[in-house]
Amino acid sequence: MKNDETANGLEQLGFISGWVLTGDEITLWENAEPQPTKAALAIAATQWAATQAAKAEATATQKAALLARLGITADEAKLLIG
């Protein structure tokens, strides 16, 4: 696994802090919970990618619904903000 995949796996498992990566290895672990295995991290990294895609899709859907409710286009919304 690459460094970013390991970090993503840790975040998916709820470990936002309390760890340091050097390359793809966890070199410092300061959490009370046991350090996850490489297999658990690989599964979590895959889940993280799916979670991020679902969040992006939900955000796009919410934006489209808001624009429809306001009766404006995305370009018109940009004019209001900028």
N, C-alpha and C. Protein backbone atom coordinates (compact mmCIF):
# COMPACT_ATOMS: atom_id res chain seq x y z
N MET A 1 0.83 -1.19 0.00
CA MET A 1 0.00 0.00 0.00
C MET A 1 0.88 1.25 0.00
N LYS A 2 0.36 2.28 -0.61
CA LYS A 2 1.06 3.56 -0.65
C LYS A 2 0.73 4.36 0.60
N ASN A 3 1.51 5.40 0.83
CA ASN A 3 1.33 6.26 2.00
C ASN A 3 -0.08 6.81 2.09
N ASP A 4 -0.59 7.36 0.98
CA ASP A 4 -1.93 7.96 1.02
C ASP A 4 -3.01 6.92 1.25
N GLU A 5 -2.83 5.71 0.74
CA GLU A 5 -3.81 4.65 0.97
C GLU A 5 -3.83 4.25 2.45
N THR A 6 -2.65 4.17 3.06
CA THR A 6 -2.57 3.85 4.48
C THR A 6 -3.25 4.94 5.30
N ALA A 7 -2.96 6.19 4.98
CA ALA A 7 -3.58 7.32 5.70
C ALA A 7 -5.10 7.30 5.52
N ASN A 8 -5.56 7.06 4.31
CA ASN A 8 -7.00 7.00 4.05
C ASN A 8 -7.65 5.87 4.84
N GLY A 9 -6.98 4.72 4.89
CA GLY A 9 -7.50 3.59 5.65
C GLY A 9 -7.61 3.91 7.13
N LEU A 10 -6.60 4.58 7.66
CA LEU A 10 -6.64 4.97 9.08
C LEU A 10 -7.79 5.93 9.34
N GLU A 11 -7.99 6.90 8.46
CA GLU A 11 -9.09 7.84 8.63
C GLU A 11 -10.44 7.14 8.52
N GLN A 12 -10.57 6.20 7.58
CA GLN A 12 -11.82 5.46 7.44
C GLN A 12 -12.13 4.69 8.72
N LEU A 13 -11.10 4.19 9.38
CA LEU A 13 -11.29 3.44 10.63
C LEU A 13 -11.50 4.36 11.84
N GLY A 14 -11.45 5.67 11.60
CA GLY A 14 -11.71 6.63 12.67
C GLY A 14 -10.48 7.15 13.38
N PHE A 15 -9.30 6.80 12.88
CA PHE A 15 -8.06 7.27 13.48
C PHE A 15 -7.60 8.53 12.76
N ILE A 16 -8.11 9.68 13.21
CA ILE A 16 -7.80 10.95 12.56
C ILE A 16 -6.42 11.46 13.00
N SER A 17 -6.03 11.11 14.19
CA SER A 17 -4.72 11.54 14.71
C SER A 17 -4.15 10.44 15.58
N GLY A 18 -2.97 10.70 16.14
CA GLY A 18 -2.35 9.73 17.03
C GLY A 18 -1.48 8.72 16.31
N TRP A 19 -1.07 9.04 15.11
CA TRP A 19 -0.21 8.15 14.34
C TRP A 19 0.69 8.95 13.41
N VAL A 20 1.80 8.35 13.04
CA VAL A 20 2.73 8.95 12.08
C VAL A 20 3.11 7.88 11.08
N LEU A 21 3.12 8.25 9.82
CA LEU A 21 3.54 7.35 8.76
C LEU A 21 4.91 7.76 8.23
N THR A 22 5.73 6.77 7.98
CA THR A 22 6.98 6.97 7.27
C THR A 22 6.92 6.02 6.08
N GLY A 23 6.79 6.60 4.92
CA GLY A 23 6.51 5.76 3.75
C GLY A 23 5.12 5.20 3.91
N ASP A 24 5.02 3.88 3.85
CA ASP A 24 3.72 3.25 4.04
C ASP A 24 3.63 2.52 5.38
N GLU A 25 4.61 2.76 6.25
CA GLU A 25 4.65 2.10 7.56
C GLU A 25 4.22 3.06 8.66
N ILE A 26 3.45 2.54 9.61
CA ILE A 26 3.09 3.31 10.80
C ILE A 26 4.27 3.25 11.74
N THR A 27 4.91 4.39 11.96
CA THR A 27 6.12 4.42 12.79
C THR A 27 5.85 4.94 14.20
N LEU A 28 4.68 5.54 14.41
CA LEU A 28 4.31 6.01 15.75
C LEU A 28 2.83 5.78 15.92
N TRP A 29 2.45 5.14 17.01
CA TRP A 29 1.05 4.85 17.31
C TRP A 29 0.76 5.30 18.72
N GLU A 30 -0.09 6.31 18.88
CA GLU A 30 -0.41 6.86 20.20
C GLU A 30 -1.88 6.72 20.56
N ASN A 31 -2.59 5.82 19.91
CA ASN A 31 -4.00 5.60 20.20
C ASN A 31 -4.16 4.48 21.22
N ALA A 32 -5.22 4.55 22.01
CA ALA A 32 -5.48 3.52 23.01
C ALA A 32 -5.87 2.20 22.34
N GLU A 33 -6.54 2.29 21.19
CA GLU A 33 -6.95 1.10 20.47
C GLU A 33 -5.73 0.44 19.82
N PRO A 34 -5.81 -0.87 19.59
CA PRO A 34 -4.69 -1.53 18.91
C PRO A 34 -4.51 -1.02 17.48
N GLN A 35 -3.29 -1.04 17.03
CA GLN A 35 -2.98 -0.63 15.67
C GLN A 35 -3.60 -1.61 14.69
N PRO A 36 -4.30 -1.13 13.66
CA PRO A 36 -4.92 -2.03 12.69
C PRO A 36 -3.88 -2.79 11.86
N THR A 37 -4.28 -3.96 11.41
CA THR A 37 -3.40 -4.76 10.57
C THR A 37 -3.36 -4.18 9.16
N LYS A 38 -2.37 -4.62 8.38
CA LYS A 38 -2.27 -4.16 6.99
C LYS A 38 -3.50 -4.60 6.19
N ALA A 39 -4.02 -5.78 6.49
CA ALA A 39 -5.21 -6.27 5.79
C ALA A 39 -6.41 -5.38 6.10
N ALA A 40 -6.58 -5.02 7.37
CA ALA A 40 -7.69 -4.14 7.77
C ALA A 40 -7.54 -2.77 7.12
N LEU A 41 -6.31 -2.29 7.04
CA LEU A 41 -6.07 -0.99 6.42
C LEU A 41 -6.37 -1.03 4.92
N ALA A 42 -6.03 -2.12 4.26
CA ALA A 42 -6.30 -2.25 2.82
C ALA A 42 -7.80 -2.23 2.55
N ILE A 43 -8.57 -2.95 3.37
CA ILE A 43 -10.03 -2.96 3.21
C ILE A 43 -10.59 -1.58 3.49
N ALA A 44 -10.11 -0.94 4.56
CA ALA A 44 -10.59 0.39 4.92
C ALA A 44 -10.24 1.43 3.86
N ALA A 45 -9.08 1.30 3.24
CA ALA A 45 -8.68 2.24 2.18
C ALA A 45 -9.65 2.14 1.00
N THR A 46 -10.07 0.94 0.66
CA THR A 46 -11.04 0.74 -0.41
C THR A 46 -12.38 1.34 -0.02
N GLN A 47 -12.78 1.14 1.23
CA GLN A 47 -14.04 1.71 1.72
C GLN A 47 -13.97 3.23 1.72
N TRP A 48 -12.81 3.79 2.05
CA TRP A 48 -12.64 5.25 2.09
C TRP A 48 -12.92 5.83 0.70
N ALA A 49 -12.39 5.18 -0.33
CA ALA A 49 -12.62 5.67 -1.69
C ALA A 49 -14.11 5.67 -2.01
N ALA A 50 -14.80 4.61 -1.63
CA ALA A 50 -16.25 4.53 -1.87
C ALA A 50 -17.00 5.59 -1.06
N THR A 51 -16.57 5.81 0.16
CA THR A 51 -17.20 6.82 1.02
C THR A 51 -17.04 8.21 0.43
N GLN A 52 -15.86 8.52 -0.07
CA GLN A 52 -15.60 9.83 -0.68
C GLN A 52 -16.44 10.02 -1.94
N ALA A 53 -16.57 8.98 -2.74
CA ALA A 53 -17.39 9.06 -3.95
C ALA A 53 -18.85 9.29 -3.59
N ALA A 54 -19.33 8.61 -2.56
CA ALA A 54 -20.72 8.77 -2.13
C ALA A 54 -20.96 10.18 -1.60
N LYS A 55 -20.00 10.72 -0.85
CA LYS A 55 -20.14 12.09 -0.34
C LYS A 55 -20.19 13.09 -1.49
N ALA A 56 -19.32 12.90 -2.48
CA ALA A 56 -19.29 13.82 -3.63
C ALA A 56 -20.61 13.75 -4.39
N GLU A 57 -21.14 12.55 -4.55
CA GLU A 57 -22.42 12.40 -5.25
C GLU A 57 -23.56 13.05 -4.47
N ALA A 58 -23.55 12.88 -3.15
CA ALA A 58 -24.59 13.48 -2.31
C ALA A 58 -24.52 15.00 -2.39
N THR A 59 -23.32 15.55 -2.37
CA THR A 59 -23.14 17.00 -2.46
C THR A 59 -23.65 17.52 -3.80
N ALA A 60 -23.32 16.83 -4.88
CA ALA A 60 -23.78 17.25 -6.20
C ALA A 60 -25.31 17.21 -6.29
N THR A 61 -25.90 16.18 -5.72
CA THR A 61 -27.36 16.06 -5.72
C THR A 61 -28.00 17.19 -4.92
N GLN A 62 -27.41 17.51 -3.77
CA GLN A 62 -27.93 18.61 -2.94
C GLN A 62 -27.82 19.94 -3.66
N LYS A 63 -26.70 20.17 -4.33
CA LYS A 63 -26.53 21.42 -5.08
C LYS A 63 -27.55 21.53 -6.20
N ALA A 64 -27.76 20.44 -6.92
CA ALA A 64 -28.73 20.45 -8.02
C ALA A 64 -30.14 20.72 -7.49
N ALA A 65 -30.47 20.11 -6.35
CA ALA A 65 -31.80 20.31 -5.76
C ALA A 65 -31.98 21.76 -5.32
N LEU A 66 -30.94 22.35 -4.74
CA LEU A 66 -31.03 23.74 -4.30
C LEU A 66 -31.18 24.68 -5.49
N LEU A 67 -30.40 24.45 -6.54
CA LEU A 67 -30.51 25.29 -7.73
C LEU A 67 -31.91 25.17 -8.34
N ALA A 68 -32.44 23.97 -8.37
CA ALA A 68 -33.80 23.77 -8.91
C ALA A 68 -34.83 24.49 -8.05
N ARG A 69 -34.66 24.41 -6.73
CA ARG A 69 -35.60 25.08 -5.82
C ARG A 69 -35.53 26.59 -5.98
N LEU A 70 -34.33 27.12 -6.21
CA LEU A 70 -34.16 28.56 -6.40
C LEU A 70 -34.54 28.99 -7.81
N GLY A 71 -34.59 28.04 -8.72
CA GLY A 71 -34.94 28.36 -10.11
C GLY A 71 -33.84 29.07 -10.86
N ILE A 72 -32.57 28.74 -10.51
CA ILE A 72 -31.44 29.36 -11.20
C ILE A 72 -30.48 28.28 -11.69
N THR A 73 -29.62 28.67 -12.61
CA THR A 73 -28.61 27.75 -13.13
C THR A 73 -27.34 27.85 -12.28
N ALA A 74 -26.43 26.91 -12.49
CA ALA A 74 -25.15 26.93 -11.78
C ALA A 74 -24.36 28.19 -12.13
N ASP A 75 -24.43 28.61 -13.39
CA ASP A 75 -23.73 29.84 -13.81
C ASP A 75 -24.31 31.07 -13.11
N GLU A 76 -25.63 31.10 -12.95
CA GLU A 76 -26.26 32.22 -12.26
C GLU A 76 -25.87 32.23 -10.78
N ALA A 77 -25.76 31.06 -10.19
CA ALA A 77 -25.34 30.97 -8.80
C ALA A 77 -23.92 31.49 -8.63
N LYS A 78 -23.04 31.18 -9.58
CA LYS A 78 -21.67 31.68 -9.53
C LYS A 78 -21.63 33.20 -9.59
N LEU A 79 -22.52 33.78 -10.37
CA LEU A 79 -22.58 35.25 -10.45
C LEU A 79 -22.99 35.84 -9.11
N LEU A 80 -23.89 35.18 -8.41
CA LEU A 80 -24.33 35.67 -7.10
C LEU A 80 -23.19 35.63 -6.08
N ILE A 81 -22.39 34.59 -6.15
CA ILE A 81 -21.32 34.40 -5.16
C ILE A 81 -20.12 35.29 -5.47
N GLY A 82 -19.75 35.39 -6.74
CA GLY A 82 -18.55 36.11 -7.13
C GLY A 82 -18.80 37.53 -7.31
